[in-house]
């Protein structure tokens, strides 16, 4: 059995609404503006597939998974794997977006767990999530994300 004990948790506060945070994650036209990728699903309902697609002419699919749980605009849980490993259940991890209203802000907690310690994915998410979520915060508060 593979050790999947590693996890990454990131918390940020964004001056916006829960609905806008959920949309920023699930609407391809919004995600591309701060992530450089589009998160694409037919309906973001439990059991549906999703893809993380580069927002360029090549439209390369980098990540894939399934929607494990969807409770808009409060929570989204998805499985997560490199597209090249989609047929192997072992490298899949899980990402949970908890979106909580806090007065005139939103507390966004992203938990990426079921990661294999020392794996390429584990190392990448520890660097990637802070940058992506900082870009999302900037985008939602100012209309401009980072060039990722």
C-alpha atoms as a PDB file:
ATOM      1  CA  UNK A   1       0.000   0.000   0.000  1.00  0.00           C
ATOM      2  CA  UNK A   2       1.314   3.423  -0.940  1.00  0.00           C
ATOM      3  CA  UNK A   3       1.954   5.930   1.829  1.00  0.00           C
ATOM      4  CA  UNK A   4      -0.410   8.855   1.187  1.00  0.00           C
ATOM      5  CA  UNK A   5       0.092  10.635   4.499  1.00  0.00           C
ATOM      6  CA  UNK A   6       1.323  13.992   3.219  1.00  0.00           C
ATOM      7  CA  UNK A   7      -0.945  17.010   3.033  1.00  0.00           C
ATOM      8  CA  UNK A   8      -0.802  20.723   2.348  1.00  0.00           C
ATOM      9  CA  UNK A   9      -3.145  23.308   3.875  1.00  0.00           C
ATOM     10  CA  UNK A  10      -3.359  26.945   2.806  1.00  0.00           C
ATOM     11  CA  UNK A  11      -5.673  29.564   4.319  1.00  0.00           C
ATOM     12  CA  UNK A  12      -6.303  33.013   2.910  1.00  0.00           C
ATOM     13  CA  UNK A  13      -8.848  35.756   3.399  1.00  0.00           C
ATOM     14  CA  UNK A  14     -10.326  37.468   0.351  1.00  0.00           C
ATOM     15  CA  UNK A  15     -12.503  40.565   0.295  1.00  0.00           C
ATOM     16  CA  UNK A  16     -15.274  39.081  -1.877  1.00  0.00           C
ATOM     17  CA  UNK A  17     -18.264  36.736  -1.656  1.00  0.00           C
ATOM     18  CA  UNK A  18     -18.386  32.931  -1.430  1.00  0.00           C
ATOM     19  CA  UNK A  19     -20.182  32.844  -4.795  1.00  0.00           C
ATOM     20  CA  UNK A  20     -17.350  34.710  -6.506  1.00  0.00           C
ATOM     21  CA  UNK A  21     -14.696  32.408  -5.011  1.00  0.00           C
ATOM     22  CA  UNK A  22     -16.596  29.299  -6.131  1.00  0.00           C
ATOM     23  CA  UNK A  23     -17.015  30.778  -9.617  1.00  0.00           C
ATOM     24  CA  UNK A  24     -13.317  31.703  -9.784  1.00  0.00           C
ATOM     25  CA  UNK A  25     -12.464  28.046  -9.217  1.00  0.00           C
ATOM     26  CA  UNK A  26     -15.099  26.485 -11.488  1.00  0.00           C
ATOM     27  CA  UNK A  27     -15.603  28.924 -14.373  1.00  0.00           C
ATOM     28  CA  UNK A  28     -12.966  28.446 -17.077  1.00  0.00           C
ATOM     29  CA  UNK A  29     -13.111  32.086 -18.233  1.00  0.00           C
ATOM     30  CA  UNK A  30     -12.326  33.278 -14.702  1.00  0.00           C
ATOM     31  CA  UNK A  31      -9.701  30.669 -13.756  1.00  0.00           C
ATOM     32  CA  UNK A  32      -7.656  31.461 -16.849  1.00  0.00           C
ATOM     33  CA  UNK A  33      -7.332  35.092 -15.707  1.00  0.00           C
ATOM     34  CA  UNK A  34      -5.413  34.252 -12.520  1.00  0.00           C
ATOM     35  CA  UNK A  35      -4.212  30.653 -13.064  1.00  0.00           C
ATOM     36  CA  UNK A  36      -3.232  30.475 -16.724  1.00  0.00           C
ATOM     37  CA  UNK A  37      -5.348  27.310 -16.869  1.00  0.00           C
ATOM     38  CA  UNK A  38      -9.044  26.603 -17.150  1.00  0.00           C
ATOM     39  CA  UNK A  39     -10.811  24.202 -14.812  1.00  0.00           C
ATOM     40  CA  UNK A  40     -13.336  22.459 -17.035  1.00  0.00           C
ATOM     41  CA  UNK A  41     -16.243  20.198 -16.069  1.00  0.00           C
ATOM     42  CA  UNK A  42     -19.598  19.534 -17.674  1.00  0.00           C
ATOM     43  CA  UNK A  43     -21.478  20.535 -14.515  1.00  0.00           C
ATOM     44  CA  UNK A  44     -19.273  20.362 -11.362  1.00  0.00           C
ATOM     45  CA  UNK A  45     -21.669  17.835  -9.850  1.00  0.00           C
ATOM     46  CA  UNK A  46     -20.601  14.861  -7.709  1.00  0.00           C
ATOM     47  CA  UNK A  47     -19.203  12.120  -9.960  1.00  0.00           C
ATOM     48  CA  UNK A  48     -18.473  14.399 -12.928  1.00  0.00           C
ATOM     49  CA  UNK A  49     -15.005  14.551 -14.387  1.00  0.00           C
ATOM     50  CA  UNK A  50     -12.916  17.700 -14.529  1.00  0.00           C
ATOM     51  CA  UNK A  51      -9.778  18.772 -16.375  1.00  0.00           C
ATOM     52  CA  UNK A  52      -7.124  21.438 -15.796  1.00  0.00           C
ATOM     53  CA  UNK A  53      -6.478  22.778 -19.317  1.00  0.00           C
ATOM     54  CA  UNK A  54      -3.751  25.209 -20.345  1.00  0.00           C
ATOM     55  CA  UNK A  55      -5.225  28.499 -21.537  1.00  0.00           C
ATOM     56  CA  UNK A  56      -3.121  28.681 -24.679  1.00  0.00           C
ATOM     57  CA  UNK A  57      -3.450  27.545 -28.276  1.00  0.00           C
ATOM     58  CA  UNK A  58      -2.228  24.010 -27.481  1.00  0.00           C
ATOM     59  CA  UNK A  59      -5.014  23.456 -24.870  1.00  0.00           C
ATOM     60  CA  UNK A  60      -2.914  20.775 -23.130  1.00  0.00           C
ATOM     61  CA  UNK A  61      -4.681  18.901 -20.325  1.00  0.00           C
ATOM     62  CA  UNK A  62      -2.282  18.838 -17.369  1.00  0.00           C
ATOM     63  CA  UNK A  63      -4.486  17.493 -14.556  1.00  0.00           C
ATOM     64  CA  UNK A  64      -7.622  15.388 -14.333  1.00  0.00           C
ATOM     65  CA  UNK A  65      -9.979  14.080 -11.703  1.00  0.00           C
ATOM     66  CA  UNK A  66     -13.536  13.652 -10.515  1.00  0.00           C
ATOM     67  CA  UNK A  67     -15.803  15.827  -8.440  1.00  0.00           C
ATOM     68  CA  UNK A  68     -16.050  14.025  -5.100  1.00  0.00           C
ATOM     69  CA  UNK A  69     -18.434  16.512  -3.508  1.00  0.00           C
ATOM     70  CA  UNK A  70     -19.946  19.809  -4.594  1.00  0.00           C
ATOM     71  CA  UNK A  71     -21.877  22.207  -2.345  1.00  0.00           C
ATOM     72  CA  UNK A  72     -21.832  25.609  -4.102  1.00  0.00           C
ATOM     73  CA  UNK A  73     -20.736  28.117  -2.940  1.00  0.00           C
ATOM     74  CA  UNK A  74     -19.455  26.556   0.295  1.00  0.00           C
ATOM     75  CA  UNK A  75     -17.335  23.569  -0.629  1.00  0.00           C
ATOM     76  CA  UNK A  76     -15.819  21.689  -3.531  1.00  0.00           C
ATOM     77  CA  UNK A  77     -13.868  18.436  -3.217  1.00  0.00           C
ATOM     78  CA  UNK A  78     -12.079  16.983  -6.245  1.00  0.00           C
ATOM     79  CA  UNK A  79      -9.642  14.195  -6.970  1.00  0.00           C
ATOM     80  CA  UNK A  80      -6.414  15.320  -8.643  1.00  0.00           C
ATOM     81  CA  UNK A  81      -3.779  13.576 -10.773  1.00  0.00           C
ATOM     82  CA  UNK A  82      -1.425  14.256 -13.635  1.00  0.00           C
ATOM     83  CA  UNK A  83      -3.148  13.529 -16.936  1.00  0.00           C
ATOM     84  CA  UNK A  84      -0.393  11.050 -17.807  1.00  0.00           C
ATOM     85  CA  UNK A  85      -1.333   8.991 -14.717  1.00  0.00           C
ATOM     86  CA  UNK A  86      -5.110   9.121 -15.055  1.00  0.00           C
ATOM     87  CA  UNK A  87      -5.479   5.353 -15.517  1.00  0.00           C
ATOM     88  CA  UNK A  88      -3.580   4.530 -12.313  1.00  0.00           C
ATOM     89  CA  UNK A  89      -5.610   5.160  -9.123  1.00  0.00           C
ATOM     90  CA  UNK A  90      -2.502   5.182  -6.909  1.00  0.00           C
ATOM     91  CA  UNK A  91      -1.165   8.713  -7.606  1.00  0.00           C
ATOM     92  CA  UNK A  92      -4.547  10.448  -7.209  1.00  0.00           C
ATOM     93  CA  UNK A  93      -4.763  12.968  -4.394  1.00  0.00           C
ATOM     94  CA  UNK A  94      -7.662  15.078  -3.107  1.00  0.00           C
ATOM     95  CA  UNK A  95      -8.225  18.836  -3.020  1.00  0.00           C
ATOM     96  CA  UNK A  96     -10.848  20.416  -0.761  1.00  0.00           C
ATOM     97  CA  UNK A  97     -11.892  24.034  -1.152  1.00  0.00           C
ATOM     98  CA  UNK A  98     -13.705  25.227   2.008  1.00  0.00           C
ATOM     99  CA  UNK A  99     -15.288  28.632   1.413  1.00  0.00           C
ATOM    100  CA  UNK A 100     -16.604  30.396   4.530  1.00  0.00           C
ATOM    101  CA  UNK A 101     -18.118  33.897   4.762  1.00  0.00           C
ATOM    102  CA  UNK A 102     -16.421  36.097   7.374  1.00  0.00           C
ATOM    103  CA  UNK A 103     -18.199  39.474   7.628  1.00  0.00           C
ATOM    104  CA  UNK A 104     -17.272  41.251   4.367  1.00  0.00           C
ATOM    105  CA  UNK A 105     -14.628  38.652   3.485  1.00  0.00           C
ATOM    106  CA  UNK A 106     -14.281  34.998   2.651  1.00  0.00           C
ATOM    107  CA  UNK A 107     -12.010  32.563   4.458  1.00  0.00           C
ATOM    108  CA  UNK A 108     -10.730  30.143   1.830  1.00  0.00           C
ATOM    109  CA  UNK A 109      -9.052  26.991   3.099  1.00  0.00           C
ATOM    110  CA  UNK A 110      -7.486  24.717   0.498  1.00  0.00           C
ATOM    111  CA  UNK A 111      -6.482  21.281   1.750  1.00  0.00           C
ATOM    112  CA  UNK A 112      -4.546  19.073  -0.651  1.00  0.00           C
ATOM    113  CA  UNK A 113      -4.198  15.642   0.950  1.00  0.00           C
ATOM    114  CA  UNK A 114      -3.718  11.967   0.127  1.00  0.00           C
ATOM    115  CA  UNK A 115      -0.310  12.949  -1.245  1.00  0.00           C
ATOM    116  CA  UNK A 116       2.656  10.590  -1.386  1.00  0.00           C
ATOM    117  CA  UNK A 117       5.467  12.073   0.749  1.00  0.00           C
ATOM    118  CA  UNK A 118       8.413  13.166  -1.400  1.00  0.00           C
ATOM    119  CA  UNK A 119       6.547  12.667  -4.680  1.00  0.00           C
ATOM    120  CA  UNK A 120       6.769  15.183  -7.510  1.00  0.00           C
ATOM    121  CA  UNK A 121       3.129  16.126  -6.921  1.00  0.00           C
ATOM    122  CA  UNK A 122       3.700  16.701  -3.202  1.00  0.00           C
ATOM    123  CA  UNK A 123       6.674  18.951  -3.926  1.00  0.00           C
ATOM    124  CA  UNK A 124       4.820  20.849  -6.655  1.00  0.00           C
ATOM    125  CA  UNK A 125       1.692  21.654  -4.636  1.00  0.00           C
ATOM    126  CA  UNK A 126       3.710  23.163  -1.794  1.00  0.00           C
ATOM    127  CA  UNK A 127       5.087  25.705  -4.254  1.00  0.00           C
ATOM    128  CA  UNK A 128       2.108  26.017  -6.567  1.00  0.00           C
ATOM    129  CA  UNK A 129      -0.851  26.581  -4.254  1.00  0.00           C
ATOM    130  CA  UNK A 130       0.512  29.711  -2.499  1.00  0.00           C
ATOM    131  CA  UNK A 131       1.189  31.353  -5.875  1.00  0.00           C
ATOM    132  CA  UNK A 132      -2.149  30.355  -7.437  1.00  0.00           C
ATOM    133  CA  UNK A 133      -4.189  31.357  -4.400  1.00  0.00           C
ATOM    134  CA  UNK A 134      -2.363  34.669  -4.042  1.00  0.00           C
ATOM    135  CA  UNK A 135      -3.103  35.320  -7.710  1.00  0.00           C
ATOM    136  CA  UNK A 136      -6.780  34.421  -7.141  1.00  0.00           C
ATOM    137  CA  UNK A 137      -6.955  36.812  -4.195  1.00  0.00           C
ATOM    138  CA  UNK A 138      -5.429  39.605  -6.263  1.00  0.00           C
ATOM    139  CA  UNK A 139      -7.786  38.877  -9.164  1.00  0.00           C
ATOM    140  CA  UNK A 140     -10.909  38.876  -7.021  1.00  0.00           C
ATOM    141  CA  UNK A 141      -9.930  42.015  -5.118  1.00  0.00           C
ATOM    142  CA  UNK A 142      -8.407  44.085  -7.940  1.00  0.00           C
ATOM    143  CA  UNK A 143      -9.450  42.450 -11.212  1.00  0.00           C
ATOM    144  CA  UNK A 144      -5.855  41.453 -12.008  1.00  0.00           C
ATOM    145  CA  UNK A 145      -4.193  38.144 -11.286  1.00  0.00           C
ATOM    146  CA  UNK A 146      -0.535  37.274 -11.788  1.00  0.00           C
ATOM    147  CA  UNK A 147       0.906  36.076 -15.096  1.00  0.00           C
ATOM    148  CA  UNK A 148       1.222  32.385 -14.286  1.00  0.00           C
END
